[in-house]
Amino acid sequence: MVVLTEPKQDRAVRTREIILRAAAEVFDELGYSGASISKIMERAGVTPGGVYFHFKSKLGLAQAVLASQQGFVELPDSSPGLQRLIDITFHLAHELQHNAVFRASVRLAVEQEEFGVHDDTAYQEWANQFHAQLLDARRAGELRDDVDERAFANLLVGAYTGTQIFSNMASKRADLPERITVMWEYLLRAIATPEARARLVMPEV
């Protein structure tokens, strides 16, 4: 009888993913300061050697969670341009409400000064994602002539970040979709043509 075993490399990759998700869950619940390697080990069900083989410290784990932020969500597939940009922001709201690992990466990005990190990579990646949709919107004739796509992508990241933080403090993000609806009602007046605004719809919340 042939006994099939999991290849060592595949097992290592799977273990790393388990540890990373466990760390994200602990960071989401306790923040960086409240999390510990022992709590992460317990959540992941691995030994100290298993953790330290992949990550040298709690800081290394936090940085890995931050670096994986976009990998924790699957973005919606809809028509490119402003409608997809709107859909992405509402999808992220849903993920912030229900996806602990994505929520942890966002929390760490906001709190990173607590662990001596000043890295805007996560913010820049979302700005690039938004910028790509704005370029599609420009090609589709949806944007006003005076709109700078890159400048607005950066502004949208800042506006969204502030909105979700405010919502978290006010309602644990229960009202985040409603707040995003209001945000877009004002922003679209500044960037979209009247014809585009007439076609765009806000997802049901």
Protein backbone atom coordinates (compact mmCIF):
# COMPACT_ATOMS: atom_id res chain seq x y z
CA MET A 1 0.00 0.00 0.00
CA VAL A 2 1.33 3.45 -0.94
CA VAL A 3 0.95 6.13 1.70
CA LEU A 4 0.65 9.59 0.23
CA THR A 5 2.17 12.37 2.29
CA GLU A 6 1.96 16.11 1.83
CA PRO A 7 5.14 17.48 0.25
CA LYS A 8 7.29 19.29 2.79
CA GLN A 9 7.22 22.56 0.83
CA ASP A 10 3.42 22.51 0.51
CA ARG A 11 3.09 21.78 4.22
CA ALA A 12 5.34 24.73 5.05
CA VAL A 13 3.29 27.08 2.87
CA ARG A 14 0.06 25.89 4.47
CA THR A 15 1.48 26.29 7.98
CA ARG A 16 2.62 29.82 7.19
CA GLU A 17 -0.89 30.72 5.98
CA ILE A 18 -2.44 29.26 9.14
CA ILE A 19 -0.08 31.26 11.34
CA LEU A 20 -0.68 34.45 9.36
CA ARG A 21 -4.45 34.15 9.63
CA ALA A 22 -4.26 33.33 13.33
CA ALA A 23 -2.05 36.37 13.91
CA ALA A 24 -4.48 38.57 11.99
CA GLU A 25 -7.39 37.36 14.10
CA VAL A 26 -5.48 38.08 17.33
CA PHE A 27 -4.35 41.50 16.11
CA ASP A 28 -7.94 42.31 15.15
CA GLU A 29 -9.23 41.40 18.60
CA LEU A 30 -6.42 42.79 20.77
CA GLY A 31 -4.39 45.22 18.68
CA TYR A 32 -0.63 45.03 18.35
CA SER A 33 0.07 45.85 22.01
CA GLY A 34 -2.37 43.27 23.35
CA ALA A 35 -1.31 40.46 21.04
CA SER A 36 1.45 38.01 21.93
CA ILE A 37 3.29 35.20 20.21
CA SER A 38 1.86 32.74 22.73
CA LYS A 39 -1.72 33.81 21.94
CA ILE A 40 -1.02 33.53 18.22
CA MET A 41 0.52 30.07 18.66
CA GLU A 42 -2.51 28.92 20.62
CA ARG A 43 -4.89 30.24 17.97
CA ALA A 44 -2.88 28.65 15.13
CA GLY A 45 -2.34 25.37 16.97
CA VAL A 46 1.38 25.30 16.21
CA THR A 47 4.57 25.00 18.24
CA PRO A 48 7.00 27.86 18.96
CA GLY A 49 9.36 26.33 16.44
CA GLY A 50 6.63 26.40 13.81
CA VAL A 51 6.06 30.11 14.36
CA TYR A 52 9.70 31.15 14.53
CA PHE A 53 10.59 29.14 11.45
CA HIS A 54 8.40 31.49 9.41
CA PHE A 55 8.36 34.70 11.48
CA LYS A 56 11.16 35.95 13.70
CA SER A 57 9.03 38.13 15.97
CA LYS A 58 5.61 39.65 16.64
CA LEU A 59 6.76 42.64 14.60
CA GLY A 60 7.53 40.35 11.68
CA LEU A 61 4.04 38.90 11.92
CA ALA A 62 2.45 42.36 12.00
CA GLN A 63 4.45 43.45 8.97
CA ALA A 64 3.41 40.30 7.09
CA VAL A 65 -0.26 40.95 7.87
CA LEU A 66 0.13 44.52 6.65
CA ALA A 67 1.86 43.42 3.46
CA SER A 68 -0.93 40.93 2.68
CA GLN A 69 -3.81 43.41 2.97
CA GLN A 70 -5.09 43.21 -0.60
CA GLY A 71 -4.65 39.43 -0.59
CA PHE A 72 -7.29 39.15 2.14
CA VAL A 73 -10.14 40.35 -0.10
CA GLU A 74 -11.50 39.36 -3.50
CA LEU A 75 -12.68 42.48 -5.27
CA PRO A 76 -16.04 42.50 -7.08
CA ASP A 77 -16.16 42.10 -10.83
CA SER A 78 -18.29 44.81 -12.40
CA SER A 79 -18.11 47.32 -15.23
CA PRO A 80 -14.83 49.27 -15.12
CA GLY A 81 -14.90 52.93 -14.17
CA LEU A 82 -16.81 54.83 -11.54
CA GLN A 83 -19.38 52.11 -10.92
CA ARG A 84 -16.68 49.55 -10.14
CA LEU A 85 -14.88 52.09 -7.95
CA ILE A 86 -18.07 52.62 -5.96
CA ASP A 87 -18.69 48.88 -5.79
CA ILE A 88 -15.16 48.29 -4.47
CA THR A 89 -15.64 50.76 -1.62
CA PHE A 90 -18.88 49.10 -0.56
CA HIS A 91 -17.32 45.66 -0.85
CA LEU A 92 -14.49 46.79 1.43
CA ALA A 93 -17.09 48.00 3.92
CA HIS A 94 -18.62 44.53 3.94
CA GLU A 95 -15.18 42.97 4.42
CA LEU A 96 -14.43 45.32 7.31
CA GLN A 97 -17.65 44.19 8.96
CA HIS A 98 -17.18 40.44 8.39
CA ASN A 99 -13.56 39.58 7.48
CA ALA A 100 -11.37 39.52 10.60
CA VAL A 101 -8.08 39.12 8.76
CA PHE A 102 -8.72 42.08 6.48
CA ARG A 103 -9.94 44.11 9.43
CA ALA A 104 -6.71 43.31 11.29
CA SER A 105 -4.55 44.50 8.43
CA VAL A 106 -6.48 47.78 8.35
CA ARG A 107 -6.17 48.18 12.11
CA LEU A 108 -2.42 47.60 11.96
CA ALA A 109 -2.04 50.11 9.13
CA VAL A 110 -3.71 52.74 11.33
CA GLU A 111 -1.86 51.77 14.53
CA GLN A 112 1.57 51.06 13.04
CA GLU A 113 3.29 53.87 14.88
CA GLU A 114 2.71 51.82 18.05
CA PHE A 115 5.28 49.33 16.82
CA GLY A 116 7.72 51.79 15.30
CA VAL A 117 6.70 51.45 11.66
CA HIS A 118 5.94 54.25 9.21
CA ASP A 119 4.94 52.46 6.02
CA ASP A 120 2.34 53.80 3.61
CA THR A 121 2.50 50.79 1.28
CA ALA A 122 -1.03 49.58 2.10
CA TYR A 123 -2.44 53.04 1.46
CA GLN A 124 -0.47 53.43 -1.78
CA GLU A 125 -1.71 50.06 -3.04
CA TRP A 126 -5.32 51.11 -2.57
CA ALA A 127 -4.58 54.47 -4.18
CA ASN A 128 -3.20 52.59 -7.18
CA GLN A 129 -6.27 50.34 -7.28
CA PHE A 130 -8.57 53.39 -7.20
CA HIS A 131 -6.42 55.22 -9.75
CA ALA A 132 -6.82 52.36 -12.23
CA GLN A 133 -10.60 52.62 -12.01
CA LEU A 134 -10.43 56.38 -12.42
CA LEU A 135 -8.38 55.98 -15.60
CA ASP A 136 -11.09 53.65 -16.92
CA ALA A 137 -13.65 56.28 -15.95
CA ARG A 138 -11.70 58.90 -17.88
CA ARG A 139 -11.63 56.70 -20.99
CA ALA A 140 -15.39 56.19 -20.64
CA GLY A 141 -16.00 59.95 -20.45
CA GLU A 142 -17.35 59.77 -16.90
CA LEU A 143 -15.05 62.36 -15.29
CA ARG A 144 -15.19 66.13 -15.42
CA ASP A 145 -12.37 67.72 -17.41
CA ASP A 146 -10.75 69.31 -14.36
CA VAL A 147 -10.38 66.08 -12.36
CA ASP A 148 -6.84 64.83 -11.64
CA GLU A 149 -7.15 61.05 -11.40
CA ARG A 150 -4.08 60.51 -9.20
CA ALA A 151 -4.91 63.36 -6.84
CA PHE A 152 -8.47 62.12 -6.40
CA ALA A 153 -7.31 58.52 -5.83
CA ASN A 154 -5.13 59.75 -2.96
CA LEU A 155 -7.95 61.89 -1.58
CA LEU A 156 -10.36 58.94 -1.74
CA VAL A 157 -7.99 56.76 0.30
CA GLY A 158 -7.83 59.46 2.95
CA ALA A 159 -11.58 60.06 2.95
CA TYR A 160 -12.35 56.35 3.14
CA THR A 161 -9.81 55.76 5.92
CA GLY A 162 -11.27 58.56 8.00
CA THR A 163 -14.82 57.42 7.34
CA GLN A 164 -14.17 53.85 8.43
CA ILE A 165 -12.29 54.97 11.57
CA PHE A 166 -15.14 57.30 12.54
CA SER A 167 -17.65 54.52 11.88
CA ASN A 168 -15.63 52.07 13.97
CA MET A 169 -15.61 54.46 16.91
CA ALA A 170 -19.30 55.30 16.54
CA SER A 171 -20.86 51.91 15.81
CA LYS A 172 -18.17 49.21 15.34
CA ARG A 173 -18.67 49.86 11.62
CA ALA A 174 -22.37 48.89 11.67
CA ASP A 175 -23.21 52.17 9.92
CA LEU A 176 -20.23 52.16 7.53
CA PRO A 177 -22.24 51.52 4.33
CA GLU A 178 -24.54 54.44 5.11
CA ARG A 179 -21.56 56.70 5.76
CA ILE A 180 -19.97 55.64 2.46
CA THR A 181 -23.21 56.44 0.64
CA VAL A 182 -23.09 59.98 2.01
CA MET A 183 -19.40 60.28 1.14
CA TRP A 184 -20.08 59.38 -2.48
CA GLU A 185 -23.09 61.68 -2.75
CA TYR A 186 -20.76 64.61 -2.19
CA LEU A 187 -17.65 63.33 -3.97
CA LEU A 188 -19.47 62.43 -7.18
CA ARG A 189 -20.71 66.01 -7.53
CA ALA A 190 -17.06 67.08 -7.69
CA ILE A 191 -15.71 64.49 -10.14
CA ALA A 192 -18.45 62.94 -12.29
CA THR A 193 -20.24 64.35 -15.30
CA PRO A 194 -23.99 64.80 -14.92
CA GLU A 195 -24.56 61.98 -17.43
CA ALA A 196 -22.37 59.58 -15.45
CA ARG A 197 -23.99 60.50 -12.15
CA ALA A 198 -27.40 59.69 -13.60
CA ARG A 199 -26.25 56.15 -14.43
CA LEU A 200 -24.41 55.32 -11.20
CA VAL A 201 -26.09 53.37 -8.42
CA MET A 202 -25.22 52.84 -4.80
CA PRO A 203 -25.33 49.18 -3.68
CA GLU A 204 -28.16 48.35 -1.32
CA VAL A 205 -27.09 48.48 2.35
